[in-house]
Structures are given as structure tokens and as C-alpha cells.
Amino acid sequence: MLIGLLFGSLFFLLFLGIPIGTSLGISAALTMYLTGNLQYLNSVVTRLFTMVDNFVLMAVPFFIRAGNI
């Protein structure tokens, strides 16, 4: 039942034309919300911020911009 809800919402969102990454995030959050596993949503936000807050990854857009200039 849980897998059907996850993939059903994913394919429905993809059918609506929503991008793949956004569809994956929305379907995962919807499944967590409907099953009552809301404690995992806080860890998702923390992990996303931790992965983006990396000095090497922050330097890449600046090097690309410097190359364009």
C-alpha cells in the first residue's frame, strides 16, 4: 500500500508536467505526511542544508562566472 501511494503520487505529478526532482520531493513528503512519519521531515531539511553548505560546491558557480567574464 505504501509503495503504491509513493509511486502513484510520483507518476501523477510527472503526468502533470512537474519536473522530476520536484516530483520526487513532493511525493516523498506526501507519503511521509500521510503515514505519520513527520519526524523525518526535519532531518531532510537539515541534510539538504548540510550538503549545500560545502565550500567546494560553493566555489563552482564562481569559477563558472569568472570563466564567462
Protein backbone atom coordinates (compact mmCIF):
# COMPACT_ATOMS: atom_id res chain seq x y z
CA MET A 1 0.00 0.00 0.00
CA LEU A 2 2.80 2.39 0.90
CA ILE A 3 4.74 1.70 -2.29
CA GLY A 4 1.59 2.19 -4.35
CA LEU A 5 0.99 5.56 -2.70
CA LEU A 6 4.58 6.67 -3.30
CA PHE A 7 4.80 5.64 -6.94
CA GLY A 8 1.20 6.62 -7.68
CA SER A 9 1.76 10.16 -6.49
CA LEU A 10 5.12 10.29 -8.30
CA PHE A 11 3.67 9.24 -11.65
CA PHE A 12 0.67 11.52 -11.19
CA LEU A 13 2.94 14.52 -10.61
CA LEU A 14 5.12 13.54 -13.58
CA PHE A 15 1.99 13.27 -15.73
CA LEU A 16 1.08 16.82 -14.72
CA GLY A 17 4.42 18.02 -16.12
CA ILE A 18 6.17 18.83 -12.84
CA PRO A 19 9.99 18.34 -13.04
CA ILE A 20 11.42 15.03 -11.82
CA GLY A 21 13.29 16.37 -8.78
CA THR A 22 10.30 18.33 -7.55
CA SER A 23 8.01 15.36 -8.12
CA LEU A 24 10.30 13.10 -6.12
CA GLY A 25 10.42 15.55 -3.22
CA ILE A 26 6.69 16.20 -3.16
CA SER A 27 5.76 12.52 -3.40
CA ALA A 28 8.20 11.59 -0.61
CA ALA A 29 6.94 14.40 1.63
CA LEU A 30 3.33 13.47 0.88
CA THR A 31 3.98 9.82 1.73
CA MET A 32 5.71 10.78 4.99
CA TYR A 33 2.83 13.09 5.88
CA LEU A 34 0.09 10.54 5.13
CA THR A 35 1.82 7.72 7.01
CA GLY A 36 2.51 9.87 10.07
CA ASN A 37 6.32 9.82 9.88
CA LEU A 38 6.67 13.57 10.30
CA GLN A 39 9.80 13.35 12.44
CA TYR A 40 11.84 12.59 9.30
CA LEU A 41 10.92 15.87 7.60
CA ASN A 42 13.16 17.85 9.98
CA SER A 43 16.15 15.67 9.17
CA VAL A 44 15.57 16.13 5.42
CA VAL A 45 15.87 19.91 5.74
CA THR A 46 18.98 19.61 7.92
CA ARG A 47 20.69 17.22 5.49
CA LEU A 48 19.87 19.41 2.49
CA PHE A 49 21.41 22.46 4.15
CA THR A 50 24.46 20.48 5.25
CA MET A 51 25.08 19.18 1.73
CA VAL A 52 24.71 22.64 0.15
CA ASP A 53 26.90 24.31 2.77
CA ASN A 54 30.12 22.94 1.31
CA PHE A 55 32.94 25.29 0.31
CA VAL A 56 33.92 23.23 -2.74
CA LEU A 57 30.39 23.25 -4.12
CA MET A 58 30.01 26.96 -3.38
CA ALA A 59 33.12 27.74 -5.43
CA VAL A 60 31.88 26.06 -8.63
CA PRO A 61 29.40 28.81 -9.69
CA PHE A 62 32.04 31.47 -9.03
CA PHE A 63 34.58 29.70 -11.27
CA ILE A 64 31.97 29.37 -13.99
CA ARG A 65 31.16 33.06 -13.70
CA ALA A 66 34.84 34.01 -13.76
CA GLY A 67 35.29 31.93 -16.91
CA ASN A 68 32.41 33.76 -18.58
CA ILE A 69 33.88 37.15 -17.71
